[in-house]
Amino acid sequence: MPLTIIPTMNAALIANTAWMDEELVMFRYLVVGLIDEHVRVAQVVPESMSETDTSAFSERVTWRDTSWKWLRRRRLAQLAERFESLQIDLIHALDGRLWEGAAALARRLSVPAIFRSSSYLDVNPSAAVTQ
């Protein structure tokens, strides 16, 4: 009888245009690494991103990125139903500009969130997340 491994986690990796422009290769490695560890991954990427830039082996969820903070948070909040249908149980915000929206989304879904920091510019957004 073959061994069947069932993923124990459904993670959403949320990226914005600015982060993807600089870290596309890192994003690909992260997705493949998580899949290799039997994590079901939802790639939450800007709708302007080409399908060839994402993995065909995991779910692709698109959203309309914006530079307006309030609108970005609102657009991320609109992903809640989709995340529920995918049974997302972990949200990973890959850029500091996504932290506030990802934190609100995680609170709404009652799931943990991870916030990646890659710049000293991410220090100020951390205050909004901790409140």
Protein backbone atom coordinates (compact mmCIF):
# COMPACT_ATOMS: atom_id res chain seq x y z
CA MET A 1 0.00 0.00 0.00
CA PRO A 2 1.55 3.35 -1.06
CA LEU A 3 2.21 6.00 1.56
CA THR A 4 -0.09 9.02 1.18
CA ILE A 5 1.06 12.29 2.68
CA ILE A 6 -1.68 14.78 3.41
CA PRO A 7 -0.66 18.44 3.63
CA THR A 8 -0.99 19.70 7.17
CA MET A 9 -1.01 23.39 6.36
CA ASN A 10 -2.67 25.67 3.82
CA ALA A 11 -0.58 28.82 3.52
CA ALA A 12 -1.30 31.99 1.58
CA LEU A 13 1.79 33.85 0.37
CA ILE A 14 0.70 37.44 -0.26
CA ALA A 15 2.93 39.49 -2.57
CA ASN A 16 2.66 42.92 -4.11
CA THR A 17 4.06 44.29 -7.36
CA ALA A 18 7.07 46.01 -5.77
CA TRP A 19 8.17 42.88 -3.93
CA MET A 20 7.64 40.61 -6.94
CA ASP A 21 9.68 42.96 -9.15
CA GLU A 22 12.67 42.45 -6.86
CA GLU A 23 12.12 38.96 -5.46
CA LEU A 24 10.49 36.80 -8.16
CA VAL A 25 13.20 34.14 -7.95
CA MET A 26 12.91 34.08 -4.14
CA PHE A 27 9.13 33.71 -4.47
CA ARG A 28 9.53 30.70 -6.77
CA TYR A 29 11.99 29.04 -4.38
CA LEU A 30 9.70 29.70 -1.43
CA VAL A 31 6.69 28.15 -3.19
CA VAL A 32 8.64 25.07 -4.29
CA GLY A 33 10.20 24.66 -0.84
CA LEU A 34 6.85 24.79 0.89
CA ILE A 35 5.30 22.35 -1.56
CA ASP A 36 8.26 20.03 -0.94
CA GLU A 37 7.41 20.18 2.78
CA HIS A 38 3.81 19.14 1.95
CA VAL A 39 2.33 22.60 2.52
CA ARG A 40 -0.55 23.53 0.24
CA VAL A 41 0.31 27.00 -1.09
CA ALA A 42 -1.95 29.74 -2.40
CA GLN A 43 0.12 32.20 -4.41
CA VAL A 44 -1.60 35.55 -3.84
CA VAL A 45 -0.12 37.78 -6.52
CA PRO A 46 -1.00 40.99 -8.36
CA GLU A 47 -3.36 40.39 -11.27
CA SER A 48 -0.84 42.06 -13.59
CA MET A 49 1.62 39.22 -12.98
CA SER A 50 2.00 36.68 -15.76
CA GLU A 51 0.79 33.14 -15.08
CA THR A 52 4.20 31.89 -16.23
CA ASP A 53 5.74 33.61 -13.20
CA THR A 54 3.80 31.44 -10.75
CA SER A 55 3.94 27.73 -10.06
CA ALA A 56 1.47 25.49 -11.85
CA PHE A 57 1.55 23.17 -8.84
CA SER A 58 -0.32 25.42 -6.43
CA GLU A 59 -3.35 27.68 -6.34
CA ARG A 60 -3.04 31.13 -7.91
CA VAL A 61 -5.12 33.92 -6.37
CA THR A 62 -4.92 37.36 -7.92
CA TRP A 63 -5.64 40.76 -6.45
CA ARG A 64 -5.43 44.36 -7.68
CA ASP A 65 -2.37 45.95 -6.13
CA THR A 66 -2.33 49.68 -5.44
CA SER A 67 -0.05 52.22 -3.80
CA TRP A 68 -2.94 53.61 -1.73
CA LYS A 69 -2.74 52.10 1.73
CA TRP A 70 -6.47 52.20 2.53
CA LEU A 71 -7.42 50.68 -0.83
CA ARG A 72 -4.74 47.96 -0.54
CA ARG A 73 -6.15 46.95 2.85
CA ARG A 74 -9.69 46.87 1.45
CA ARG A 75 -8.68 44.76 -1.56
CA LEU A 76 -6.87 42.28 0.64
CA ALA A 77 -9.95 42.06 2.89
CA GLN A 78 -11.98 41.05 -0.16
CA LEU A 79 -9.92 37.84 -0.32
CA ALA A 80 -11.47 36.48 2.90
CA GLU A 81 -14.15 34.33 1.25
CA ARG A 82 -11.67 32.90 -1.22
CA PHE A 83 -9.26 32.09 1.61
CA GLU A 84 -12.06 30.37 3.53
CA SER A 85 -12.88 28.22 0.49
CA LEU A 86 -9.19 27.27 0.22
CA GLN A 87 -9.12 26.53 3.96
CA ILE A 88 -6.16 28.88 4.48
CA ASP A 89 -4.78 28.49 7.97
CA LEU A 90 -1.65 30.68 7.70
CA ILE A 91 -1.11 34.05 6.03
CA HIS A 92 2.40 35.16 5.06
CA ALA A 93 2.80 38.82 4.03
CA LEU A 94 5.99 39.14 2.00
CA ASP A 95 6.35 42.94 2.09
CA GLY A 96 5.92 45.52 4.84
CA ARG A 97 3.33 47.40 2.81
CA LEU A 98 1.09 44.32 3.05
CA TRP A 99 1.35 43.82 6.79
CA GLU A 100 -1.63 45.88 7.91
CA GLY A 101 -4.03 44.32 5.39
CA ALA A 102 -2.68 40.82 6.04
CA ALA A 103 -3.02 41.29 9.81
CA ALA A 104 -6.64 42.39 9.45
CA LEU A 105 -7.33 39.44 7.15
CA ALA A 106 -5.69 37.02 9.61
CA ARG A 107 -7.76 38.41 12.49
CA ARG A 108 -10.95 38.08 10.44
CA LEU A 109 -10.18 34.46 9.58
CA SER A 110 -8.74 33.66 13.04
CA VAL A 111 -5.47 32.36 11.59
CA PRO A 112 -1.86 33.21 12.39
CA ALA A 113 0.13 35.58 10.21
CA ILE A 114 3.81 35.82 9.36
CA PHE A 115 5.33 39.16 8.39
CA ARG A 116 8.52 39.13 6.33
CA SER A 117 10.84 42.07 6.83
CA SER A 118 13.46 42.77 4.21
CA SER A 119 14.15 46.46 4.74
CA TYR A 120 14.54 49.04 7.47
CA LEU A 121 11.50 50.69 5.84
CA ASP A 122 9.41 47.84 7.28
CA VAL A 123 10.01 49.09 10.84
CA ASN A 124 7.28 51.76 10.77
CA PRO A 125 4.51 49.46 9.40
CA SER A 126 5.13 47.11 12.32
CA ALA A 127 3.43 49.57 14.68
CA ALA A 128 0.13 49.29 12.78
CA VAL A 129 0.23 45.50 12.97
CA THR A 130 0.77 45.29 16.72
CA GLN A 131 -2.27 47.40 17.56
